């Protein structure tokens, strides 16, 4: 596999992710408009080791806090593990 084909595959995955996010947002808007249900959501923005978490309700934010801790632990393990293996 050449570097250009890997780059093209990565670009295609990014475009596919954007399209899927757009379709999901449209479906959420349509479904919320027809059923009258309240939309709940939350988001997380990681800037280095500092997570910025926001949301519309406490339950969503609690889930994201746990996910942020797990994500930071995984990233920390990937950073520390190579140095431990090289000894």
PDB file of N, CA and C in Angstrom:
ATOM      1  N   UNK A   1       0.852  -1.176   0.000  1.00  0.00           N
ATOM      2  CA  UNK A   1       0.000   0.000   0.000  1.00  0.00           C
ATOM      3  C   UNK A   1       0.895   1.236   0.000  1.00  0.00           C
ATOM      4  N   UNK A   2       0.657   2.139  -0.918  1.00  0.00           N
ATOM      5  CA  UNK A   2       1.489   3.331  -1.006  1.00  0.00           C
ATOM      6  C   UNK A   2       0.972   4.413  -0.059  1.00  0.00           C
ATOM      7  N   UNK A   3       1.829   5.395   0.155  1.00  0.00           N
ATOM      8  CA  UNK A   3       1.468   6.485   1.071  1.00  0.00           C
ATOM      9  C   UNK A   3       0.298   7.295   0.533  1.00  0.00           C
ATOM     10  N   UNK A   4       0.225   7.463  -0.780  1.00  0.00           N
ATOM     11  CA  UNK A   4      -0.869   8.254  -1.344  1.00  0.00           C
ATOM     12  C   UNK A   4      -2.210   7.528  -1.197  1.00  0.00           C
ATOM     13  N   UNK A   5      -2.215   6.202  -1.329  1.00  0.00           N
ATOM     14  CA  UNK A   5      -3.482   5.487  -1.163  1.00  0.00           C
ATOM     15  C   UNK A   5      -3.933   5.492   0.297  1.00  0.00           C
ATOM     16  N   UNK A   6      -3.000   5.456   1.228  1.00  0.00           N
ATOM     17  CA  UNK A   6      -3.352   5.549   2.639  1.00  0.00           C
ATOM     18  C   UNK A   6      -3.909   6.934   2.954  1.00  0.00           C
ATOM     19  N   UNK A   7      -3.306   7.957   2.381  1.00  0.00           N
ATOM     20  CA  UNK A   7      -3.791   9.326   2.589  1.00  0.00           C
ATOM     21  C   UNK A   7      -5.181   9.502   1.986  1.00  0.00           C
ATOM     22  N   UNK A   8      -5.406   8.939   0.822  1.00  0.00           N
ATOM     23  CA  UNK A   8      -6.729   9.030   0.199  1.00  0.00           C
ATOM     24  C   UNK A   8      -7.776   8.296   1.029  1.00  0.00           C
ATOM     25  N   UNK A   9      -7.408   7.138   1.576  1.00  0.00           N
ATOM     26  CA  UNK A   9      -8.325   6.386   2.428  1.00  0.00           C
ATOM     27  C   UNK A   9      -8.660   7.183   3.690  1.00  0.00           C
ATOM     28  N   UNK A  10      -7.662   7.813   4.297  1.00  0.00           N
ATOM     29  CA  UNK A  10      -7.898   8.641   5.476  1.00  0.00           C
ATOM     30  C   UNK A  10      -8.792   9.825   5.169  1.00  0.00           C
ATOM     31  N   UNK A  11      -8.561  10.452   4.032  1.00  0.00           N
ATOM     32  CA  UNK A  11      -9.396  11.581   3.620  1.00  0.00           C
ATOM     33  C   UNK A  11     -10.830  11.126   3.402  1.00  0.00           C
ATOM     34  N   UNK A  12     -11.008   9.964   2.780  1.00  0.00           N
ATOM     35  CA  UNK A  12     -12.354   9.438   2.550  1.00  0.00           C
ATOM     36  C   UNK A  12     -13.050   9.152   3.868  1.00  0.00           C
ATOM     37  N   UNK A  13     -12.322   8.636   4.869  1.00  0.00           N
ATOM     38  CA  UNK A  13     -12.923   8.393   6.173  1.00  0.00           C
ATOM     39  C   UNK A  13     -13.347   9.680   6.858  1.00  0.00           C
ATOM     40  N   UNK A  14     -12.554  10.727   6.715  1.00  0.00           N
ATOM     41  CA  UNK A  14     -12.916  12.021   7.306  1.00  0.00           C
ATOM     42  C   UNK A  14     -14.179  12.558   6.650  1.00  0.00           C
ATOM     43  N   UNK A  15     -14.246  12.494   5.337  1.00  0.00           N
ATOM     44  CA  UNK A  15     -15.435  12.965   4.620  1.00  0.00           C
ATOM     45  C   UNK A  15     -16.661  12.139   5.022  1.00  0.00           C
ATOM     46  N   UNK A  16     -16.497  10.824   5.125  1.00  0.00           N
ATOM     47  CA  UNK A  16     -17.593   9.956   5.540  1.00  0.00           C
ATOM     48  C   UNK A  16     -18.069  10.323   6.946  1.00  0.00           C
ATOM     49  N   UNK A  17     -17.154  10.613   7.854  1.00  0.00           N
ATOM     50  CA  UNK A  17     -17.533  11.017   9.207  1.00  0.00           C
ATOM     51  C   UNK A  17     -18.323  12.318   9.226  1.00  0.00           C
ATOM     52  N   UNK A  18     -17.915  13.274   8.402  1.00  0.00           N
ATOM     53  CA  UNK A  18     -18.632  14.552   8.322  1.00  0.00           C
ATOM     54  C   UNK A  18     -20.036  14.338   7.785  1.00  0.00           C
ATOM     55  N   UNK A  19     -20.163  13.515   6.745  1.00  0.00           N
ATOM     56  CA  UNK A  19     -21.468  13.239   6.154  1.00  0.00           C
ATOM     57  C   UNK A  19     -22.368  12.527   7.160  1.00  0.00           C
ATOM     58  N   UNK A  20     -21.827  11.542   7.880  1.00  0.00           N
ATOM     59  CA  UNK A  20     -22.625  10.831   8.882  1.00  0.00           C
ATOM     60  C   UNK A  20     -23.077  11.757  10.013  1.00  0.00           C
ATOM     61  N   UNK A  21     -22.210  12.656  10.446  1.00  0.00           N
ATOM     62  CA  UNK A  21     -22.592  13.608  11.492  1.00  0.00           C
ATOM     63  C   UNK A  21     -23.699  14.539  10.999  1.00  0.00           C
ATOM     64  N   UNK A  22     -23.611  14.966   9.764  1.00  0.00           N
ATOM     65  CA  UNK A  22     -24.630  15.844   9.182  1.00  0.00           C
ATOM     66  C   UNK A  22     -25.970  15.118   9.080  1.00  0.00           C
ATOM     67  N   UNK A  23     -25.952  13.877   8.598  1.00  0.00           N
ATOM     68  CA  UNK A  23     -27.187  13.097   8.475  1.00  0.00           C
ATOM     69  C   UNK A  23     -27.797  12.842   9.850  1.00  0.00           C
ATOM     70  N   UNK A  24     -26.974  12.530  10.841  1.00  0.00           N
ATOM     71  CA  UNK A  24     -27.476  12.291  12.194  1.00  0.00           C
ATOM     72  C   UNK A  24     -28.120  13.545  12.773  1.00  0.00           C
ATOM     73  N   UNK A  25     -27.517  14.699  12.526  1.00  0.00           N
ATOM     74  CA  UNK A  25     -28.093  15.954  13.022  1.00  0.00           C
ATOM     75  C   UNK A  25     -29.436  16.231  12.360  1.00  0.00           C
ATOM     76  N   UNK A  26     -29.529  16.003  11.071  1.00  0.00           N
ATOM     77  CA  UNK A  26     -30.793  16.219  10.357  1.00  0.00           C
ATOM     78  C   UNK A  26     -31.868  15.263  10.886  1.00  0.00           C
ATOM     79  N   UNK A  27     -31.519  13.987  11.066  1.00  0.00           N
ATOM     80  CA  UNK A  27     -32.488  13.024  11.600  1.00  0.00           C
ATOM     81  C   UNK A  27     -32.930  13.388  13.008  1.00  0.00           C
ATOM     82  N   UNK A  28     -32.020  13.887  13.825  1.00  0.00           N
ATOM     83  CA  UNK A  28     -32.374  14.304  15.179  1.00  0.00           C
ATOM     84  C   UNK A  28     -33.345  15.473  15.152  1.00  0.00           C
ATOM     85  N   UNK A  29     -33.113  16.422  14.282  1.00  0.00           N
ATOM     86  CA  UNK A  29     -34.000  17.581  14.178  1.00  0.00           C
ATOM     87  C   UNK A  29     -35.383  17.161  13.711  1.00  0.00           C
ATOM     88  N   UNK A  30     -35.425  16.294  12.706  1.00  0.00           N
ATOM     89  CA  UNK A  30     -36.713  15.846  12.171  1.00  0.00           C
ATOM     90  C   UNK A  30     -37.475  15.046  13.224  1.00  0.00           C
ATOM     91  N   UNK A  31     -36.784  14.131  13.915  1.00  0.00           N
ATOM     92  CA  UNK A  31     -37.451  13.304  14.908  1.00  0.00           C
ATOM     93  C   UNK A  31     -37.948  14.132  16.095  1.00  0.00           C
ATOM     94  N   UNK A  32     -37.174  15.096  16.541  1.00  0.00           N
ATOM     95  CA  UNK A  32     -37.581  15.930  17.674  1.00  0.00           C
ATOM     96  C   UNK A  32     -38.755  16.820  17.294  1.00  0.00           C
ATOM     97  N   UNK A  33     -38.791  17.253  16.035  1.00  0.00           N
ATOM     98  CA  UNK A  33     -39.889  18.099  15.595  1.00  0.00           C
ATOM     99  C   UNK A  33     -41.200  17.351  15.472  1.00  0.00           C
ATOM    100  N   UNK A  34     -41.165  16.078  15.111  1.00  0.00           N
ATOM    101  CA  UNK A  34     -42.404  15.333  14.918  1.00  0.00           C
ATOM    102  C   UNK A  34     -42.940  14.738  16.210  1.00  0.00           C
ATOM    103  N   UNK A  35     -42.086  14.365  17.150  1.00  0.00           N
ATOM    104  CA  UNK A  35     -42.556  13.735  18.382  1.00  0.00           C
ATOM    105  C   UNK A  35     -42.746  14.720  19.518  1.00  0.00           C
ATOM    106  N   UNK A  36     -42.164  15.894  19.419  1.00  0.00           N
ATOM    107  CA  UNK A  36     -42.263  16.860  20.500  1.00  0.00           C
ATOM    108  C   UNK A  36     -41.373  16.521  21.680  1.00  0.00           C
ATOM    109  N   UNK A  37     -40.437  15.618  21.501  1.00  0.00           N
ATOM    110  CA  UNK A  37     -39.547  15.222  22.580  1.00  0.00           C
ATOM    111  C   UNK A  37     -38.466  16.274  22.790  1.00  0.00           C
ATOM    112  N   UNK A  38     -37.935  16.306  24.001  1.00  0.00           N
ATOM    113  CA  UNK A  38     -36.841  17.220  24.297  1.00  0.00           C
ATOM    114  C   UNK A  38     -35.528  16.601  23.849  1.00  0.00           C
ATOM    115  N   UNK A  39     -34.704  17.393  23.250  1.00  0.00           N
ATOM    116  CA  UNK A  39     -33.388  16.910  22.835  1.00  0.00           C
ATOM    117  C   UNK A  39     -32.402  17.139  23.975  1.00  0.00           C
ATOM    118  N   UNK A  40     -31.606  16.101  24.257  1.00  0.00           N
ATOM    119  CA  UNK A  40     -30.572  16.207  25.274  1.00  0.00           C
ATOM    120  C   UNK A  40     -29.237  15.968  24.595  1.00  0.00           C
ATOM    121  N   UNK A  41     -28.226  16.590  25.123  1.00  0.00           N
ATOM    122  CA  UNK A  41     -26.922  16.362  24.535  1.00  0.00           C
ATOM    123  C   UNK A  41     -25.825  16.951  25.385  1.00  0.00           C
ATOM    124  N   UNK A  42     -24.622  16.562  25.034  1.00  0.00           N
ATOM    125  CA  UNK A  42     -23.453  17.061  25.740  1.00  0.00           C
ATOM    126  C   UNK A  42     -22.258  16.947  24.812  1.00  0.00           C
ATOM    127  N   UNK A  43     -21.209  17.635  25.155  1.00  0.00           N
ATOM    128  CA  UNK A  43     -20.002  17.587  24.348  1.00  0.00           C
ATOM    129  C   UNK A  43     -18.777  17.735  25.219  1.00  0.00           C
ATOM    130  N   UNK A  44     -17.672  17.315  24.662  1.00  0.00           N
ATOM    131  CA  UNK A  44     -16.404  17.414  25.378  1.00  0.00           C
ATOM    132  C   UNK A  44     -15.361  17.943  24.407  1.00  0.00           C
ATOM    133  N   UNK A  45     -14.552  18.842  24.894  1.00  0.00           N
ATOM    134  CA  UNK A  45     -13.460  19.414  24.115  1.00  0.00           C
ATOM    135  C   UNK A  45     -12.191  19.221  24.925  1.00  0.00           C
ATOM    136  N   UNK A  46     -11.279  18.422  24.396  1.00  0.00           N
ATOM    137  CA  UNK A  46     -10.022  18.166  25.095  1.00  0.00           C
ATOM    138  C   UNK A  46      -8.947  19.075  24.523  1.00  0.00           C
ATOM    139  N   UNK A  47      -8.432  19.943  25.350  1.00  0.00           N
ATOM    140  CA  UNK A  47      -7.316  20.804  24.964  1.00  0.00           C
ATOM    141  C   UNK A  47      -6.133  20.359  25.806  1.00  0.00           C
ATOM    142  N   UNK A  48      -5.330  19.506  25.192  1.00  0.00           N
ATOM    143  CA  UNK A  48      -4.235  18.909  25.946  1.00  0.00           C
ATOM    144  C   UNK A  48      -4.808  18.017  27.023  1.00  0.00           C
ATOM    145  N   UNK A  49      -4.358  18.177  28.246  1.00  0.00           N
ATOM    146  CA  UNK A  49      -4.888  17.340  29.325  1.00  0.00           C
ATOM    147  C   UNK A  49      -6.124  17.926  30.000  1.00  0.00           C
ATOM    148  N   UNK A  50      -6.594  19.059  29.530  1.00  0.00           N
ATOM    149  CA  UNK A  50      -7.701  19.748  30.189  1.00  0.00           C
ATOM    150  C   UNK A  50      -8.997  19.506  29.426  1.00  0.00           C
ATOM    151  N   UNK A  51      -9.962  18.801  30.045  1.00  0.00           N
ATOM    152  CA  UNK A  51     -11.245  18.597  29.362  1.00  0.00           C
ATOM    153  C   UNK A  51     -12.211  19.748  29.653  1.00  0.00           C
ATOM    154  N   UNK A  52     -12.896  20.197  28.627  1.00  0.00           N
ATOM    155  CA  UNK A  52     -13.961  21.188  28.774  1.00  0.00           C
ATOM    156  C   UNK A  52     -15.248  20.461  28.415  1.00  0.00           C
ATOM    157  N   UNK A  53     -16.135  20.303  29.392  1.00  0.00           N
ATOM    158  CA  UNK A  53     -17.340  19.508  29.221  1.00  0.00           C
ATOM    159  C   UNK A  53     -18.554  20.420  29.338  1.00  0.00           C
ATOM    160  N   UNK A  54     -19.485  20.263  28.412  1.00  0.00           N
ATOM    161  CA  UNK A  54     -20.706  21.057  28.438  1.00  0.00           C
ATOM    162  C   UNK A  54     -21.873  20.149  28.081  1.00  0.00           C
ATOM    163  N   UNK A  55     -23.067  20.505  28.546  1.00  0.00           N
ATOM    164  CA  UNK A  55     -24.224  19.680  28.241  1.00  0.00           C
ATOM    165  C   UNK A  55     -25.515  20.338  28.665  1.00  0.00           C
ATOM    166  N   UNK A  56     -26.612  19.693  28.276  1.00  0.00           N
ATOM    167  CA  UNK A  56     -27.926  20.238  28.575  1.00  0.00           C
ATOM    168  C   UNK A  56     -28.541  19.669  29.841  1.00  0.00           C
ATOM    169  N   UNK A  57     -28.003  18.542  30.322  1.00  0.00           N
ATOM    170  CA  UNK A  57     -28.529  17.965  31.554  1.00  0.00           C
ATOM    171  C   UNK A  57     -27.400  17.268  32.320  1.00  0.00           C
ATOM    172  N   UNK A  58     -27.647  17.013  33.592  1.00  0.00           N
ATOM    173  CA  UNK A  58     -26.604  16.449  34.460  1.00  0.00           C
ATOM    174  C   UNK A  58     -26.224  15.027  34.062  1.00  0.00           C
ATOM    175  N   UNK A  59     -27.171  14.229  33.619  1.00  0.00           N
ATOM    176  CA  UNK A  59     -26.860  12.843  33.268  1.00  0.00           C
ATOM    177  C   UNK A  59     -25.880  12.763  32.102  1.00  0.00           C
ATOM    178  N   UNK A  60     -26.086  13.568  31.102  1.00  0.00           N
ATOM    179  CA  UNK A  60     -25.183  13.569  29.945  1.00  0.00           C
ATOM    180  C   UNK A  60     -23.788  14.020  30.352  1.00  0.00           C
ATOM    181  N   UNK A  61     -23.712  15.016  31.195  1.00  0.00           N
ATOM    182  CA  UNK A  61     -22.417  15.526  31.634  1.00  0.00           C
ATOM    183  C   UNK A  61     -21.695  14.491  32.497  1.00  0.00           C
ATOM    184  N   UNK A  62     -22.422  13.776  33.342  1.00  0.00           N
ATOM    185  CA  UNK A  62     -21.799  12.741  34.172  1.00  0.00           C
ATOM    186  C   UNK A  62     -21.177  11.649  33.308  1.00  0.00           C
ATOM    187  N   UNK A  63     -21.878  11.247  32.266  1.00  0.00           N
ATOM    188  CA  UNK A  63     -21.342  10.229  31.357  1.00  0.00           C
ATOM    189  C   UNK A  63     -20.075  10.739  30.688  1.00  0.00           C
ATOM    190  N   UNK A  64     -20.081  11.990  30.271  1.00  0.00           N
ATOM    191  CA  UNK A  64     -18.908  12.541  29.607  1.00  0.00           C
ATOM    192  C   UNK A  64     -17.732  12.722  30.559  1.00  0.00           C
ATOM    193  N   UNK A  65     -17.989  12.994  31.802  1.00  0.00           N
ATOM    194  CA  UNK A  65     -16.895  13.085  32.772  1.00  0.00           C
ATOM    195  C   UNK A  65     -16.193  11.742  32.889  1.00  0.00           C
ATOM    196  N   UNK A  66     -16.972  10.671  32.980  1.00  0.00           N
ATOM    197  CA  UNK A  66     -16.387   9.334  33.054  1.00  0.00           C
ATOM    198  C   UNK A  66     -15.624   9.018  31.776  1.00  0.00           C
ATOM    199  N   UNK A  67     -16.208   9.325  30.619  1.00  0.00           N
ATOM    200  CA  UNK A  67     -15.531   9.067  29.352  1.00  0.00           C
ATOM    201  C   UNK A  67     -14.254   9.892  29.214  1.00  0.00           C
ATOM    202  N   UNK A  68     -14.254  11.118  29.712  1.00  0.00           N
ATOM    203  CA  UNK A  68     -13.053  11.951  29.655  1.00  0.00           C
ATOM    204  C   UNK A  68     -11.943  11.356  30.514  1.00  0.00           C
ATOM    205  N   UNK A  69     -12.285  10.852  31.686  1.00  0.00           N
ATOM    206  CA  UNK A  69     -11.289  10.227  32.557  1.00  0.00           C
ATOM    207  C   UNK A  69     -10.709   8.988  31.891  1.00  0.00           C
ATOM    208  N   UNK A  70     -11.571   8.169  31.301  1.00  0.00           N
ATOM    209  CA  UNK A  70     -11.098   6.962  30.612  1.00  0.00           C
ATOM    210  C   UNK A  70     -10.212   7.333  29.428  1.00  0.00           C
ATOM    211  N   UNK A  71     -10.627   8.329  28.652  1.00  0.00           N
ATOM    212  CA  UNK A  71      -9.839   8.750  27.497  1.00  0.00           C
ATOM    213  C   UNK A  71      -8.476   9.288  27.910  1.00  0.00           C
ATOM    214  N   UNK A  72      -8.433  10.084  28.971  1.00  0.00           N
ATOM    215  CA  UNK A  72      -7.155  10.606  29.432  1.00  0.00           C
ATOM    216  C   UNK A  72      -6.261   9.485  29.959  1.00  0.00           C
ATOM    217  N   UNK A  73      -6.838   8.472  30.587  1.00  0.00           N
ATOM    218  CA  UNK A  73      -6.055   7.330  31.062  1.00  0.00           C
ATOM    219  C   UNK A  73      -5.481   6.537  29.888  1.00  0.00           C
ATOM    220  N   UNK A  74      -6.276   6.351  28.849  1.00  0.00           N
ATOM    221  CA  UNK A  74      -5.795   5.627  27.671  1.00  0.00           C
ATOM    222  C   UNK A  74      -4.670   6.394  26.990  1.00  0.00           C
ATOM    223  N   UNK A  75      -4.842   7.685  26.829  1.00  0.00           N
ATOM    224  CA  UNK A  75      -3.798   8.503  26.205  1.00  0.00           C
ATOM    225  C   UNK A  75      -2.536   8.473  27.058  1.00  0.00           C
ATOM    226  N   UNK A  76      -2.686   8.562  28.364  1.00  0.00           N
ATOM    227  CA  UNK A  76      -1.531   8.499  29.254  1.00  0.00           C
ATOM    228  C   UNK A  76      -0.798   7.169  29.112  1.00  0.00           C
ATOM    229  N   UNK A  77      -1.550   6.078  28.995  1.00  0.00           N
ATOM    230  CA  UNK A  77      -0.927   4.764  28.837  1.00  0.00           C
ATOM    231  C   UNK A  77      -0.162   4.682  27.512  1.00  0.00           C
ATOM    232  N   UNK A  78      -0.717   5.241  26.451  1.00  0.00           N
ATOM    233  CA  UNK A  78      -0.010   5.243  25.171  1.00  0.00           C
ATOM    234  C   UNK A  78       1.247   6.104  25.216  1.00  0.00           C
ATOM    235  N   UNK A  79       1.251   7.120  26.061  1.00  0.00           N
ATOM    236  CA  UNK A  79       2.434   7.966  26.185  1.00  0.00           C
ATOM    237  C   UNK A  79       3.496   7.303  27.045  1.00  0.00           C
ATOM    238  N   UNK A  80       3.096   6.610  28.093  1.00  0.00           N
ATOM    239  CA  UNK A  80       4.039   6.026  29.036  1.00  0.00           C
ATOM    240  C   UNK A  80       4.517   4.651  28.583  1.00  0.00           C
ATOM    241  N   UNK A  81       3.668   3.877  27.961  1.00  0.00           N
ATOM    242  CA  UNK A  81       3.986   2.504  27.598  1.00  0.00           C
ATOM    243  C   UNK A  81       5.220   2.378  26.692  1.00  0.00           C
ATOM    244  N   UNK A  82       5.400   3.210  25.665  1.00  0.00           N
ATOM    245  CA  UNK A  82       6.599   3.061  24.846  1.00  0.00           C
ATOM    246  C   UNK A  82       7.894   3.294  25.631  1.00  0.00           C
ATOM    247  N   UNK A  83       7.892   4.226  26.556  1.00  0.00           N
ATOM    248  CA  UNK A  83       9.098   4.473  27.340  1.00  0.00           C
ATOM    249  C   UNK A  83       9.376   3.318  28.302  1.00  0.00           C
ATOM    250  N   UNK A  84       8.342   2.667  28.798  1.00  0.00           N
ATOM    251  CA  UNK A  84       8.532   1.516  29.672  1.00  0.00           C
ATOM    252  C   UNK A  84       9.041   0.296  28.892  1.00  0.00           C
ATOM    253  N   UNK A  85       8.581   0.138  27.669  1.00  0.00           N
ATOM    254  CA  UNK A  85       8.988  -0.998  26.855  1.00  0.00           C
ATOM    255  C   UNK A  85      10.421  -0.855  26.313  1.00  0.00           C
ATOM    256  N   UNK A  86      10.895   0.381  26.186  1.00  0.00           N
ATOM    257  CA  UNK A  86      12.238   0.595  25.625  1.00  0.00           C
ATOM    258  C   UNK A  86      13.336   0.373  26.644  1.00  0.00           C
ATOM    259  N   UNK A  87      13.017   0.194  27.893  1.00  0.00           N
ATOM    260  CA  UNK A  87      14.042  -0.012  28.935  1.00  0.00           C
ATOM    261  C   UNK A  87      14.657  -1.349  28.846  1.00  0.00           C
TER     262      UNK A  87
END
